[in-house]
Amino acid sequence: MISVIVITKNEATHIGRCLESVSWADEIIVLDSGSQDDTVAICRQYTDKVYKTDWPGFGVQKQRALDKAVGDWVLSIDADEIVTAELRAEIEQVLPQNKFDGYEIPRLSSYCGRQMRHGGWWPDYVLRLFRRNMGRFSEAIVHEKIIIDGKIGQLKSPFLHDTAVNLEEILLKVNSYSSLGAQMLHEKGVRSSLMKAILKALWTFNRTYWMKCGFLDGNQGFMLSVSNAESTYYKYVKLMMMQKISNN
């Protein structure tokens, strides 16, 4: 039995395609944290296991969803991801073999209409398929991880990840993830300054565009490198401002 878990907030643009792609699963569990669009109504077309909750951060929220699953295997998927027919077939092929306790799945992401093959975005393996009793989520508020007590394999067929449809969505993500990242660093006692923010941003751009060959993805490769640098810059500037507030 396979349980699919997904967390949502204002994902009406993506969630229908996501849930349609996993409609073959034995169980679909959705945890929604205050959507103000049609997300919840769309989810209820695919499953009756839709729960409304508060927002404690990515790691805790995904663990809440995992705690509600009953399947022997769990597939954790984001609202803007799609399981292809090829990935479904591979999952159904490998699970009866019982070789591994978890599987990393490659993720092919699109950015403003282009599938990104460089810039560190491909093959972008993510651990998402695992035995329910062998895995748990870290409590990180962002960039959470699945921790597996067992052997991990890799699949060949990718998720399709529609990470950013337009610039407005990119800017919203830059703001959201930089705030969460700054909060996480602040809780760890990391220090920042304006110079550190500038240098970190420059390093991020150079790594994405030059070292990871983002330039091979054309205009979108440059746009991705800039937005990555922006997110890093604002993360460390926000961290700097948090420090000032804490010191007053």
Protein backbone atom coordinates (compact mmCIF):
# COMPACT_ATOMS: atom_id res chain seq x y z
CA MET A 1 0.00 0.00 0.00
CA ILE A 2 1.33 3.43 -0.98
CA SER A 3 0.36 6.64 0.81
CA VAL A 4 0.98 10.00 -0.85
CA ILE A 5 1.43 13.03 1.42
CA VAL A 6 1.39 16.67 0.34
CA ILE A 7 1.21 20.01 2.18
CA THR A 8 -0.50 23.02 0.64
CA LYS A 9 -1.23 26.73 0.92
CA ASN A 10 -2.75 28.67 -1.97
CA GLU A 11 -1.72 26.06 -4.55
CA ALA A 12 -4.82 26.16 -6.76
CA THR A 13 -2.65 26.73 -9.84
CA HIS A 14 -0.72 23.49 -9.37
CA ILE A 15 -2.49 21.08 -7.03
CA GLY A 16 -4.99 19.59 -9.49
CA ARG A 17 -2.27 18.34 -11.86
CA CYS A 18 -0.24 17.12 -8.88
CA LEU A 19 -3.03 15.05 -7.35
CA GLU A 20 -4.20 13.75 -10.72
CA SER A 21 -0.69 12.38 -11.26
CA VAL A 22 -0.89 10.34 -8.02
CA SER A 23 -4.57 9.37 -8.21
CA TRP A 24 -3.43 5.75 -8.58
CA ALA A 25 -2.08 5.70 -5.00
CA ASP A 26 -3.92 3.80 -2.27
CA GLU A 27 -4.16 6.87 -0.07
CA ILE A 28 -3.69 10.62 -0.52
CA ILE A 29 -3.26 12.87 2.52
CA VAL A 30 -3.32 16.68 2.24
CA LEU A 31 -2.48 19.12 5.02
CA ASP A 32 -3.52 22.68 4.20
CA SER A 33 -2.36 25.66 6.23
CA GLY A 34 -4.89 28.38 5.50
CA SER A 35 -5.39 28.50 1.75
CA GLN A 36 -7.53 31.43 0.60
CA ASP A 37 -8.03 30.19 -2.95
CA ASP A 38 -9.65 27.00 -4.28
CA THR A 39 -6.89 24.66 -3.10
CA VAL A 40 -8.97 22.79 -0.52
CA ALA A 41 -11.95 22.35 -2.85
CA ILE A 42 -9.69 20.97 -5.58
CA CYS A 43 -7.99 18.58 -3.14
CA ARG A 44 -11.36 17.21 -2.01
CA GLN A 45 -12.04 16.12 -5.58
CA TYR A 46 -9.19 13.61 -5.17
CA THR A 47 -9.29 12.59 -1.50
CA ASP A 48 -11.45 12.89 1.59
CA LYS A 49 -8.32 13.07 3.75
CA VAL A 50 -7.84 16.84 3.63
CA TYR A 51 -6.92 18.47 6.93
CA LYS A 52 -6.73 22.15 7.85
CA THR A 53 -3.90 23.07 10.21
CA ASP A 54 -1.72 25.94 11.38
CA TRP A 55 1.78 26.50 9.95
CA PRO A 56 4.69 25.29 12.13
CA GLY A 57 7.29 25.09 9.34
CA PHE A 58 7.99 22.62 6.54
CA GLY A 59 9.58 19.83 8.57
CA VAL A 60 6.96 19.66 11.31
CA GLN A 61 4.10 20.03 8.85
CA LYS A 62 5.32 17.17 6.66
CA GLN A 63 5.82 15.01 9.74
CA ARG A 64 2.21 15.70 10.69
CA ALA A 65 1.14 14.44 7.28
CA LEU A 66 3.37 11.39 7.65
CA ASP A 67 1.83 10.61 11.04
CA LYS A 68 -1.57 10.33 9.36
CA ALA A 69 -0.38 7.87 6.69
CA VAL A 70 -1.12 4.17 7.01
CA GLY A 71 0.58 2.76 3.89
CA ASP A 72 3.66 0.55 4.07
CA TRP A 73 5.35 3.01 1.69
CA VAL A 74 5.06 6.78 1.62
CA LEU A 75 5.62 9.12 -1.32
CA SER A 76 6.10 12.74 -0.27
CA ILE A 77 5.35 15.14 -3.11
CA ASP A 78 5.16 18.93 -3.34
CA ALA A 79 2.10 20.65 -4.76
CA ASP A 80 4.01 21.88 -7.81
CA GLU A 81 5.39 18.44 -8.70
CA ILE A 82 4.02 15.74 -10.99
CA VAL A 83 4.58 11.98 -11.03
CA THR A 84 4.95 10.89 -14.64
CA ALA A 85 3.64 7.58 -15.98
CA GLU A 86 7.26 6.41 -16.25
CA LEU A 87 7.96 7.24 -12.60
CA ARG A 88 4.80 5.49 -11.47
CA ALA A 89 5.78 2.37 -13.41
CA GLU A 90 9.27 2.39 -11.91
CA ILE A 91 7.90 2.80 -8.39
CA GLU A 92 5.52 -0.11 -8.87
CA GLN A 93 8.39 -2.18 -10.25
CA VAL A 94 10.96 -1.59 -7.49
CA LEU A 95 8.83 -1.73 -4.35
CA PRO A 96 8.13 -5.50 -4.48
CA GLN A 97 11.88 -6.14 -4.79
CA ASN A 98 12.47 -5.04 -1.17
CA LYS A 99 16.07 -3.99 -1.88
CA PHE A 100 15.97 -0.59 -0.20
CA ASP A 101 14.17 1.28 2.56
CA GLY A 102 14.05 4.58 0.70
CA TYR A 103 14.57 5.94 -2.78
CA GLU A 104 15.94 9.21 -4.13
CA ILE A 105 14.07 10.48 -7.19
CA PRO A 106 15.55 12.87 -9.77
CA ARG A 107 13.63 16.08 -10.27
CA LEU A 108 13.40 17.94 -13.58
CA SER A 109 12.41 21.52 -12.79
CA SER A 110 11.01 24.16 -15.10
CA TYR A 111 11.68 27.84 -14.53
CA CYS A 112 9.56 30.41 -16.40
CA GLY A 113 8.70 27.88 -19.06
CA ARG A 114 12.09 26.20 -19.54
CA GLN A 115 13.22 22.85 -18.16
CA MET A 116 16.53 23.54 -16.43
CA ARG A 117 19.38 21.11 -17.14
CA HIS A 118 22.17 23.12 -15.50
CA GLY A 119 22.78 25.54 -12.65
CA GLY A 120 22.75 22.70 -10.13
CA TRP A 121 19.12 21.88 -10.93
CA TRP A 122 19.57 18.57 -12.69
CA PRO A 123 19.32 15.75 -11.81
CA ASP A 124 18.57 17.22 -8.34
CA TYR A 125 17.95 13.94 -6.50
CA VAL A 126 15.47 14.21 -3.62
CA LEU A 127 14.63 11.49 -1.10
CA ARG A 128 10.85 11.18 -1.28
CA LEU A 129 9.86 7.49 -1.33
CA PHE A 130 10.39 5.43 1.81
CA ARG A 131 9.05 2.78 4.13
CA ARG A 132 6.74 4.53 6.57
CA ASN A 133 8.21 2.86 9.65
CA MET A 134 11.79 3.61 8.58
CA GLY A 135 11.63 7.36 7.91
CA ARG A 136 10.88 10.68 9.56
CA PHE A 137 11.21 14.36 8.69
CA SER A 138 13.67 16.72 10.30
CA GLU A 139 12.12 19.64 12.19
CA ALA A 140 13.74 22.32 10.01
CA ILE A 141 11.36 25.18 9.18
CA VAL A 142 12.74 25.18 5.61
CA HIS A 143 14.90 22.81 3.55
CA GLU A 144 13.66 19.89 5.63
CA LYS A 145 15.05 16.41 5.06
CA ILE A 146 13.75 12.87 5.31
CA ILE A 147 15.86 10.82 7.66
CA ILE A 148 15.96 7.11 6.81
CA ASP A 149 17.10 4.33 9.14
CA GLY A 150 18.10 1.98 6.35
CA LYS A 151 19.46 1.55 2.83
CA ILE A 152 18.76 4.15 0.14
CA GLY A 153 18.54 3.53 -3.61
CA GLN A 154 17.94 5.77 -6.62
CA LEU A 155 15.26 5.76 -9.29
CA LYS A 156 15.85 6.84 -12.90
CA SER A 157 12.51 8.43 -13.84
CA PRO A 158 12.07 12.04 -12.64
CA PHE A 159 9.43 14.13 -11.00
CA LEU A 160 8.39 17.08 -13.15
CA HIS A 161 8.68 20.22 -11.03
CA ASP A 162 6.97 23.44 -12.14
CA THR A 163 8.86 25.60 -9.68
CA ALA A 164 8.16 29.08 -11.05
CA VAL A 165 5.61 30.01 -13.70
CA ASN A 166 6.32 33.76 -13.79
CA LEU A 167 8.36 36.51 -12.15
CA GLU A 168 5.67 37.30 -9.59
CA GLU A 169 5.86 33.74 -8.29
CA ILE A 170 9.66 33.89 -8.22
CA LEU A 171 9.64 37.09 -6.15
CA LEU A 172 7.15 35.63 -3.70
CA LYS A 173 9.38 32.59 -3.23
CA VAL A 174 12.50 34.74 -2.84
CA ASN A 175 10.80 36.70 -0.07
CA SER A 176 9.33 33.66 1.67
CA TYR A 177 12.39 31.42 1.57
CA SER A 178 14.81 34.19 2.50
CA SER A 179 12.71 34.95 5.59
CA LEU A 180 12.53 31.30 6.62
CA GLY A 181 16.24 30.82 5.94
CA ALA A 182 17.13 33.87 8.01
CA GLN A 183 15.00 32.63 10.89
CA MET A 184 16.64 29.21 10.79
CA LEU A 185 20.16 30.73 10.78
CA HIS A 186 19.20 33.10 13.60
CA GLU A 187 18.04 30.18 15.75
CA LYS A 188 21.40 28.49 15.11
CA GLY A 189 23.29 31.59 16.28
CA VAL A 190 24.78 32.42 12.86
CA ARG A 191 25.97 36.04 12.54
CA SER A 192 25.63 38.29 9.52
CA SER A 193 26.58 41.72 8.18
CA LEU A 194 25.95 43.72 5.04
CA MET A 195 29.33 42.73 3.62
CA LYS A 196 28.63 39.06 4.35
CA ALA A 197 25.28 39.34 2.58
CA ILE A 198 26.91 40.89 -0.49
CA LEU A 199 29.72 38.33 -0.66
CA LYS A 200 27.35 35.40 -0.14
CA ALA A 201 25.10 36.69 -2.94
CA LEU A 202 28.03 37.13 -5.33
CA TRP A 203 29.26 33.62 -4.54
CA THR A 204 25.77 32.19 -5.14
CA PHE A 205 25.50 33.88 -8.53
CA ASN A 206 28.96 32.70 -9.64
CA ARG A 207 28.32 29.16 -8.46
CA THR A 208 24.95 28.92 -10.24
CA TYR A 209 25.81 30.73 -13.47
CA TRP A 210 29.47 29.84 -14.03
CA MET A 211 30.50 26.86 -11.88
CA LYS A 212 27.23 24.93 -12.39
CA CYS A 213 26.99 26.08 -16.04
CA GLY A 214 23.69 27.91 -15.63
CA PHE A 215 24.60 29.98 -18.68
CA LEU A 216 23.79 26.93 -20.82
CA ASP A 217 20.12 27.38 -19.92
CA GLY A 218 19.95 30.70 -21.79
CA ASN A 219 17.91 33.61 -20.44
CA GLN A 220 16.31 31.49 -17.75
CA GLY A 221 19.75 30.37 -16.58
CA PHE A 222 20.73 33.98 -15.97
CA MET A 223 17.38 34.76 -14.33
CA LEU A 224 17.74 31.76 -12.03
CA SER A 225 21.27 32.78 -11.04
CA VAL A 226 20.06 36.29 -10.20
CA SER A 227 17.07 35.08 -8.17
CA ASN A 228 19.27 32.60 -6.28
CA ALA A 229 21.68 35.44 -5.48
CA GLU A 230 18.79 37.69 -4.46
CA SER A 231 17.40 35.07 -2.11
CA THR A 232 20.83 34.62 -0.50
CA TYR A 233 21.36 38.38 -0.18
CA TYR A 234 18.00 39.00 1.47
CA LYS A 235 18.41 36.00 3.75
CA TYR A 236 21.60 37.41 5.23
CA VAL A 237 20.31 41.00 5.32
CA LYS A 238 17.20 39.81 7.16
CA LEU A 239 19.45 37.86 9.53
CA MET A 240 21.46 41.04 10.14
CA MET A 241 18.26 42.93 10.98
CA MET A 242 17.16 40.15 13.35
CA GLN A 243 20.47 40.49 15.17
CA LYS A 244 19.95 44.22 15.61
CA ILE A 245 16.47 43.68 17.04
CA SER A 246 17.78 41.01 19.42
CA ASN A 247 20.59 43.29 20.62
CA ASN A 248 18.25 46.18 21.43
